[in-house]
N, C-alpha and C. Protein backbone atom coordinates (compact mmCIF):
# COMPACT_ATOMS: atom_id res chain seq x y z
N UNK A 1 -8.56 -32.99 -3.96
CA UNK A 1 -9.92 -32.86 -4.42
C UNK A 1 -10.08 -33.74 -5.65
N UNK A 2 -11.07 -34.59 -5.68
CA UNK A 2 -11.26 -35.51 -6.79
C UNK A 2 -12.11 -34.85 -7.86
N UNK A 3 -11.86 -35.27 -9.11
CA UNK A 3 -12.63 -34.74 -10.22
C UNK A 3 -13.88 -35.59 -10.40
N UNK A 4 -15.00 -34.96 -10.68
CA UNK A 4 -16.24 -35.66 -10.93
C UNK A 4 -16.68 -35.35 -12.34
N UNK A 5 -16.97 -36.37 -13.10
CA UNK A 5 -17.43 -36.17 -14.46
C UNK A 5 -18.92 -36.43 -14.50
N UNK A 6 -19.66 -35.47 -15.03
CA UNK A 6 -21.11 -35.59 -15.14
C UNK A 6 -21.41 -35.82 -16.60
N UNK A 7 -21.99 -37.00 -16.91
CA UNK A 7 -22.25 -37.28 -18.32
C UNK A 7 -23.62 -36.80 -18.76
N UNK A 8 -24.55 -36.60 -17.83
CA UNK A 8 -25.83 -36.00 -18.19
C UNK A 8 -26.54 -35.54 -16.92
N UNK A 9 -27.44 -34.55 -17.11
CA UNK A 9 -28.26 -34.04 -16.00
C UNK A 9 -29.70 -34.12 -16.44
N UNK A 10 -30.54 -34.68 -15.57
CA UNK A 10 -31.97 -34.78 -15.87
C UNK A 10 -32.54 -33.37 -15.79
N UNK A 11 -33.08 -32.86 -16.91
CA UNK A 11 -33.57 -31.48 -16.99
C UNK A 11 -34.70 -31.22 -16.02
N UNK A 12 -35.53 -32.21 -15.74
CA UNK A 12 -36.65 -32.00 -14.83
C UNK A 12 -36.18 -31.91 -13.40
N UNK A 13 -35.25 -32.72 -13.03
CA UNK A 13 -34.77 -32.72 -11.65
C UNK A 13 -33.72 -31.63 -11.44
N UNK A 14 -32.93 -31.33 -12.47
CA UNK A 14 -31.88 -30.33 -12.35
C UNK A 14 -30.75 -30.87 -11.49
N UNK A 15 -29.67 -30.13 -11.40
CA UNK A 15 -28.55 -30.58 -10.57
C UNK A 15 -28.94 -30.52 -9.10
N UNK A 16 -28.37 -31.43 -8.33
CA UNK A 16 -28.65 -31.44 -6.89
C UNK A 16 -27.87 -30.32 -6.24
N UNK A 17 -28.54 -29.49 -5.48
CA UNK A 17 -27.90 -28.38 -4.78
C UNK A 17 -28.35 -28.36 -3.35
N UNK A 18 -27.55 -27.69 -2.53
CA UNK A 18 -27.93 -27.46 -1.14
C UNK A 18 -27.31 -26.15 -0.70
N UNK A 19 -27.92 -25.50 0.27
CA UNK A 19 -27.35 -24.24 0.74
C UNK A 19 -25.99 -24.48 1.39
N UNK A 20 -25.09 -23.52 1.22
CA UNK A 20 -23.77 -23.63 1.84
C UNK A 20 -23.89 -23.34 3.32
N UNK A 21 -23.17 -24.13 4.11
CA UNK A 21 -23.12 -23.87 5.54
C UNK A 21 -21.72 -23.38 5.90
N UNK A 22 -21.53 -22.99 7.14
CA UNK A 22 -20.25 -22.42 7.57
C UNK A 22 -19.10 -23.40 7.37
N UNK A 23 -19.35 -24.68 7.45
CA UNK A 23 -18.28 -25.68 7.29
C UNK A 23 -17.77 -25.72 5.85
N UNK A 24 -18.52 -25.19 4.91
CA UNK A 24 -18.11 -25.20 3.50
C UNK A 24 -17.02 -24.17 3.20
N UNK A 25 -16.82 -23.23 4.09
CA UNK A 25 -15.86 -22.16 3.86
C UNK A 25 -14.62 -22.36 4.70
N UNK A 26 -13.49 -21.89 4.17
CA UNK A 26 -12.24 -21.99 4.92
C UNK A 26 -12.31 -21.09 6.13
N UNK A 27 -11.70 -21.55 7.20
CA UNK A 27 -11.66 -20.74 8.41
C UNK A 27 -10.66 -19.61 8.24
N UNK A 28 -11.02 -18.43 8.71
CA UNK A 28 -10.10 -17.30 8.71
C UNK A 28 -9.61 -17.15 10.13
N UNK A 29 -8.30 -17.33 10.29
CA UNK A 29 -7.74 -17.26 11.62
C UNK A 29 -7.22 -15.85 11.88
N UNK A 30 -7.28 -15.44 13.11
CA UNK A 30 -6.76 -14.12 13.45
C UNK A 30 -5.25 -14.16 13.38
N UNK A 31 -4.61 -13.02 13.06
CA UNK A 31 -3.16 -12.98 12.93
C UNK A 31 -2.47 -13.36 14.24
N UNK A 32 -1.29 -13.96 14.11
CA UNK A 32 -0.53 -14.33 15.29
C UNK A 32 -0.01 -13.08 15.98
N UNK A 33 0.12 -13.17 17.29
CA UNK A 33 0.64 -12.03 18.06
C UNK A 33 1.94 -12.46 18.71
N UNK A 34 2.87 -11.51 18.84
CA UNK A 34 4.10 -11.82 19.54
C UNK A 34 3.94 -11.53 21.02
N UNK A 35 5.05 -11.60 21.77
CA UNK A 35 4.98 -11.42 23.23
C UNK A 35 4.51 -10.03 23.64
N UNK A 36 4.75 -9.03 22.79
CA UNK A 36 4.34 -7.66 23.11
C UNK A 36 2.89 -7.38 22.74
N UNK A 37 2.24 -8.35 22.12
CA UNK A 37 0.86 -8.15 21.70
C UNK A 37 0.73 -7.53 20.32
N UNK A 38 1.90 -7.30 19.64
CA UNK A 38 1.87 -6.75 18.29
C UNK A 38 1.61 -7.87 17.30
N UNK A 39 0.91 -7.55 16.23
CA UNK A 39 0.66 -8.54 15.19
C UNK A 39 1.95 -8.80 14.43
N UNK A 40 2.30 -10.06 14.27
CA UNK A 40 3.51 -10.44 13.56
C UNK A 40 3.34 -10.08 12.09
N UNK A 41 4.36 -9.44 11.53
CA UNK A 41 4.34 -9.12 10.11
C UNK A 41 3.74 -7.76 9.78
N UNK A 42 3.29 -6.99 10.78
CA UNK A 42 2.68 -5.69 10.51
C UNK A 42 3.62 -4.77 9.74
N UNK A 43 4.88 -4.67 10.18
CA UNK A 43 5.83 -3.78 9.53
C UNK A 43 6.08 -4.21 8.09
N UNK A 44 6.21 -5.51 7.88
CA UNK A 44 6.46 -6.01 6.53
C UNK A 44 5.25 -5.72 5.64
N UNK A 45 4.04 -5.93 6.16
CA UNK A 45 2.83 -5.66 5.37
C UNK A 45 2.71 -4.18 5.06
N UNK A 46 3.03 -3.34 6.02
CA UNK A 46 2.96 -1.89 5.81
C UNK A 46 3.98 -1.46 4.77
N UNK A 47 5.20 -2.03 4.84
CA UNK A 47 6.23 -1.71 3.85
C UNK A 47 5.77 -2.09 2.46
N UNK A 48 5.09 -3.22 2.34
CA UNK A 48 4.58 -3.65 1.03
C UNK A 48 3.58 -2.65 0.49
N UNK A 49 2.68 -2.20 1.33
CA UNK A 49 1.65 -1.24 0.92
C UNK A 49 2.29 0.11 0.59
N UNK A 50 3.24 0.54 1.41
CA UNK A 50 3.88 1.84 1.18
C UNK A 50 4.71 1.86 -0.10
N UNK A 51 5.08 0.69 -0.61
CA UNK A 51 5.86 0.60 -1.83
C UNK A 51 5.03 0.57 -3.10
N UNK A 52 3.71 0.66 -2.99
CA UNK A 52 2.84 0.62 -4.18
C UNK A 52 2.84 1.99 -4.85
N UNK A 53 3.20 2.05 -6.13
CA UNK A 53 3.19 3.36 -6.81
C UNK A 53 1.76 3.81 -7.12
N UNK A 54 1.54 5.10 -7.04
CA UNK A 54 0.24 5.67 -7.39
C UNK A 54 0.46 6.78 -8.42
N UNK A 55 -0.55 7.03 -9.22
CA UNK A 55 -0.49 8.05 -10.25
C UNK A 55 -1.12 9.33 -9.70
N UNK A 56 -0.34 10.39 -9.59
CA UNK A 56 -0.84 11.67 -9.06
C UNK A 56 -0.96 12.66 -10.22
N UNK A 57 -2.11 13.29 -10.31
CA UNK A 57 -2.34 14.31 -11.34
C UNK A 57 -2.81 15.58 -10.66
N UNK A 58 -2.35 16.70 -11.17
CA UNK A 58 -2.83 18.00 -10.72
C UNK A 58 -3.62 18.57 -11.88
N UNK A 59 -4.91 18.74 -11.68
CA UNK A 59 -5.80 19.14 -12.77
C UNK A 59 -6.01 20.65 -12.71
N UNK A 60 -5.42 21.33 -13.68
CA UNK A 60 -5.55 22.78 -13.75
C UNK A 60 -6.90 23.20 -14.31
N UNK A 61 -7.52 22.33 -15.05
CA UNK A 61 -8.81 22.61 -15.64
C UNK A 61 -9.03 21.71 -16.84
N UNK A 62 -10.16 21.87 -17.48
CA UNK A 62 -10.45 21.07 -18.67
C UNK A 62 -11.20 21.94 -19.67
N UNK A 63 -11.27 21.44 -20.89
CA UNK A 63 -11.98 22.16 -21.96
C UNK A 63 -12.62 21.13 -22.88
N UNK A 64 -13.69 21.53 -23.52
CA UNK A 64 -14.35 20.70 -24.53
C UNK A 64 -14.35 21.47 -25.83
N UNK A 65 -13.93 20.80 -26.90
CA UNK A 65 -13.95 21.47 -28.20
C UNK A 65 -14.20 20.44 -29.29
N UNK A 66 -14.63 20.94 -30.42
CA UNK A 66 -14.88 20.08 -31.57
C UNK A 66 -13.55 19.64 -32.18
N UNK A 67 -13.54 18.48 -32.79
CA UNK A 67 -12.34 17.98 -33.45
C UNK A 67 -11.87 18.97 -34.51
N UNK A 68 -12.81 19.58 -35.23
CA UNK A 68 -12.44 20.55 -36.26
C UNK A 68 -11.65 21.72 -35.66
N UNK A 69 -12.05 22.18 -34.48
CA UNK A 69 -11.32 23.27 -33.81
C UNK A 69 -9.97 22.77 -33.28
N UNK A 70 -9.94 21.53 -32.83
CA UNK A 70 -8.70 20.95 -32.34
C UNK A 70 -7.66 20.88 -33.45
N UNK A 71 -8.10 20.52 -34.65
CA UNK A 71 -7.19 20.42 -35.78
C UNK A 71 -6.65 21.78 -36.24
N UNK A 72 -7.35 22.85 -35.90
CA UNK A 72 -6.92 24.20 -36.29
C UNK A 72 -5.88 24.78 -35.33
N UNK A 73 -5.64 24.11 -34.19
CA UNK A 73 -4.70 24.62 -33.20
C UNK A 73 -3.28 24.58 -33.75
N UNK A 74 -2.52 25.57 -33.40
CA UNK A 74 -1.13 25.63 -33.80
C UNK A 74 -0.29 26.17 -32.66
N UNK A 75 1.00 26.33 -32.93
CA UNK A 75 1.90 26.85 -31.90
C UNK A 75 1.42 28.22 -31.44
N UNK A 76 1.35 28.41 -30.13
CA UNK A 76 0.92 29.68 -29.56
C UNK A 76 -0.58 29.78 -29.32
N UNK A 77 -1.33 28.78 -29.76
CA UNK A 77 -2.78 28.80 -29.55
C UNK A 77 -3.07 28.68 -28.06
N UNK A 78 -4.13 29.33 -27.61
CA UNK A 78 -4.54 29.28 -26.20
C UNK A 78 -5.85 28.54 -26.11
N UNK A 79 -5.89 27.55 -25.22
CA UNK A 79 -7.12 26.80 -24.99
C UNK A 79 -7.67 27.25 -23.64
N UNK A 80 -8.79 27.97 -23.64
CA UNK A 80 -9.36 28.41 -22.36
C UNK A 80 -9.89 27.20 -21.57
N UNK A 81 -9.57 27.17 -20.30
CA UNK A 81 -10.01 26.08 -19.42
C UNK A 81 -11.22 26.51 -18.61
N UNK A 82 -11.92 25.54 -18.03
CA UNK A 82 -13.11 25.84 -17.24
C UNK A 82 -12.74 26.40 -15.86
N UNK A 83 -11.49 26.33 -15.47
CA UNK A 83 -11.04 26.79 -14.16
C UNK A 83 -10.60 28.25 -14.25
N UNK A 84 -10.91 29.05 -13.26
CA UNK A 84 -10.53 30.46 -13.26
C UNK A 84 -9.29 30.65 -12.38
N UNK A 85 -8.56 31.71 -12.65
CA UNK A 85 -7.38 32.04 -11.86
C UNK A 85 -7.82 32.27 -10.41
N UNK A 86 -7.10 31.66 -9.48
CA UNK A 86 -7.42 31.83 -8.06
C UNK A 86 -8.32 30.74 -7.50
N UNK A 87 -9.01 29.99 -8.36
CA UNK A 87 -9.84 28.88 -7.88
C UNK A 87 -8.94 27.70 -7.51
N UNK A 88 -9.35 26.92 -6.51
CA UNK A 88 -8.53 25.76 -6.14
C UNK A 88 -8.51 24.73 -7.27
N UNK A 89 -7.38 24.05 -7.40
CA UNK A 89 -7.24 23.01 -8.40
C UNK A 89 -7.34 21.65 -7.73
N UNK A 90 -7.68 20.62 -8.51
CA UNK A 90 -7.87 19.28 -7.96
C UNK A 90 -6.57 18.49 -7.99
N UNK A 91 -6.31 17.75 -6.90
CA UNK A 91 -5.21 16.80 -6.85
C UNK A 91 -5.86 15.42 -6.90
N UNK A 92 -5.50 14.66 -7.93
CA UNK A 92 -6.15 13.39 -8.21
C UNK A 92 -5.14 12.27 -8.04
N UNK A 93 -5.51 11.24 -7.27
CA UNK A 93 -4.66 10.06 -7.10
C UNK A 93 -5.44 8.86 -7.61
N UNK A 94 -4.87 8.19 -8.60
CA UNK A 94 -5.50 7.02 -9.22
C UNK A 94 -6.95 7.27 -9.60
N UNK A 95 -7.21 8.44 -10.17
CA UNK A 95 -8.54 8.75 -10.68
C UNK A 95 -9.52 9.30 -9.66
N UNK A 96 -9.10 9.52 -8.42
CA UNK A 96 -10.00 10.03 -7.39
C UNK A 96 -9.44 11.33 -6.82
N UNK A 97 -10.29 12.36 -6.73
CA UNK A 97 -9.88 13.63 -6.15
C UNK A 97 -9.69 13.42 -4.65
N UNK A 98 -8.46 13.66 -4.18
CA UNK A 98 -8.18 13.47 -2.75
C UNK A 98 -7.94 14.79 -2.03
N UNK A 99 -7.67 15.86 -2.81
CA UNK A 99 -7.39 17.15 -2.18
C UNK A 99 -7.59 18.27 -3.20
N UNK A 100 -7.56 19.50 -2.68
CA UNK A 100 -7.58 20.69 -3.52
C UNK A 100 -6.41 21.56 -3.07
N UNK A 101 -5.95 22.39 -3.98
CA UNK A 101 -4.81 23.23 -3.63
C UNK A 101 -4.68 24.41 -4.57
N UNK A 102 -3.58 25.14 -4.40
CA UNK A 102 -3.31 26.28 -5.25
C UNK A 102 -1.90 26.17 -5.82
N UNK A 103 -1.73 26.69 -7.03
CA UNK A 103 -0.45 26.62 -7.71
C UNK A 103 0.52 27.60 -7.03
N UNK A 104 1.75 27.12 -6.79
CA UNK A 104 2.80 27.96 -6.20
C UNK A 104 4.09 27.77 -6.99
N UNK A 105 4.99 28.74 -6.92
CA UNK A 105 6.31 28.62 -7.52
C UNK A 105 7.22 27.94 -6.50
N UNK A 106 7.98 26.94 -6.94
CA UNK A 106 8.88 26.22 -6.04
C UNK A 106 10.04 27.15 -5.67
N UNK A 107 10.29 27.31 -4.36
CA UNK A 107 11.29 28.26 -3.89
C UNK A 107 12.70 27.94 -4.38
N UNK A 108 13.06 26.66 -4.44
CA UNK A 108 14.41 26.28 -4.82
C UNK A 108 14.70 26.52 -6.30
N UNK A 109 13.66 26.48 -7.12
CA UNK A 109 13.85 26.57 -8.57
C UNK A 109 12.67 27.35 -9.16
N UNK A 110 12.89 28.63 -9.45
CA UNK A 110 11.80 29.48 -9.93
C UNK A 110 11.26 29.07 -11.29
N UNK A 111 11.91 28.11 -11.96
CA UNK A 111 11.40 27.67 -13.26
C UNK A 111 10.40 26.53 -13.10
N UNK A 112 10.16 26.11 -11.89
CA UNK A 112 9.20 25.02 -11.63
C UNK A 112 8.09 25.50 -10.72
N UNK A 113 6.93 24.86 -10.84
CA UNK A 113 5.84 25.18 -9.93
C UNK A 113 5.35 23.91 -9.27
N UNK A 114 4.61 24.10 -8.19
CA UNK A 114 4.06 22.98 -7.43
C UNK A 114 2.66 23.32 -6.96
N UNK A 115 2.17 22.54 -6.01
CA UNK A 115 0.82 22.75 -5.49
C UNK A 115 0.88 22.79 -3.97
N UNK A 116 0.27 23.81 -3.40
CA UNK A 116 0.12 23.90 -1.95
C UNK A 116 -1.28 23.39 -1.60
N UNK A 117 -1.35 22.33 -0.78
CA UNK A 117 -2.65 21.75 -0.44
C UNK A 117 -3.41 22.68 0.49
N UNK A 118 -4.65 22.95 0.16
CA UNK A 118 -5.50 23.81 0.98
C UNK A 118 -6.67 23.06 1.59
N UNK A 119 -7.01 21.90 1.01
CA UNK A 119 -8.16 21.13 1.49
C UNK A 119 -7.92 19.65 1.21
N UNK A 120 -8.11 18.81 2.22
CA UNK A 120 -8.01 17.37 2.06
C UNK A 120 -9.43 16.82 2.13
N UNK A 121 -9.80 15.98 1.16
CA UNK A 121 -11.13 15.39 1.15
C UNK A 121 -11.26 14.40 2.30
N UNK A 122 -12.44 14.32 2.89
CA UNK A 122 -12.64 13.41 4.01
C UNK A 122 -12.70 11.98 3.52
N UNK A 123 -12.22 11.05 4.35
CA UNK A 123 -12.24 9.62 3.99
C UNK A 123 -13.67 9.11 3.93
N UNK A 124 -14.56 9.65 4.78
CA UNK A 124 -15.96 9.19 4.79
C UNK A 124 -16.65 9.54 3.47
N UNK A 125 -16.36 10.71 2.95
CA UNK A 125 -16.98 11.12 1.70
C UNK A 125 -16.39 10.37 0.53
N UNK A 126 -15.16 9.83 0.71
CA UNK A 126 -14.53 9.07 -0.34
C UNK A 126 -14.01 9.92 -1.48
N UNK A 127 -13.95 11.21 -1.30
CA UNK A 127 -13.48 12.08 -2.38
C UNK A 127 -14.51 12.17 -3.47
N UNK A 128 -14.15 12.84 -4.54
CA UNK A 128 -15.05 13.00 -5.68
C UNK A 128 -14.44 12.33 -6.88
N UNK A 129 -15.21 11.61 -7.63
CA UNK A 129 -14.71 11.02 -8.87
C UNK A 129 -14.78 12.05 -9.97
N UNK A 130 -13.76 12.03 -10.85
CA UNK A 130 -13.78 12.96 -11.98
C UNK A 130 -14.02 12.20 -13.25
């Protein structure tokens, strides 16, 4: 591609433009297929996608308070959350609610807890943003 230097543009005429046509864009070719009709590279592409880390958060609830009240908190202080006991909690992946669930104690280790999924958000709805 050659470089073009424009030393001035006539303000009345403006730069010369024309609408883009299909020939102006690169062609997108369909993926190659092997003898079985499978797309070449599907497994490799899927492995690449499956290897992407995501941030998962389990939101037990939230609270709003004044900074003055926040500064008064000390060891043993209780911050009431907007979520009630027994209500489903949100499972958030990369900032988007993808499911709801309930807190459970992990059977193998009673000192840890987990989440049992009770509802998966539909892909059409796209989940709920928090």
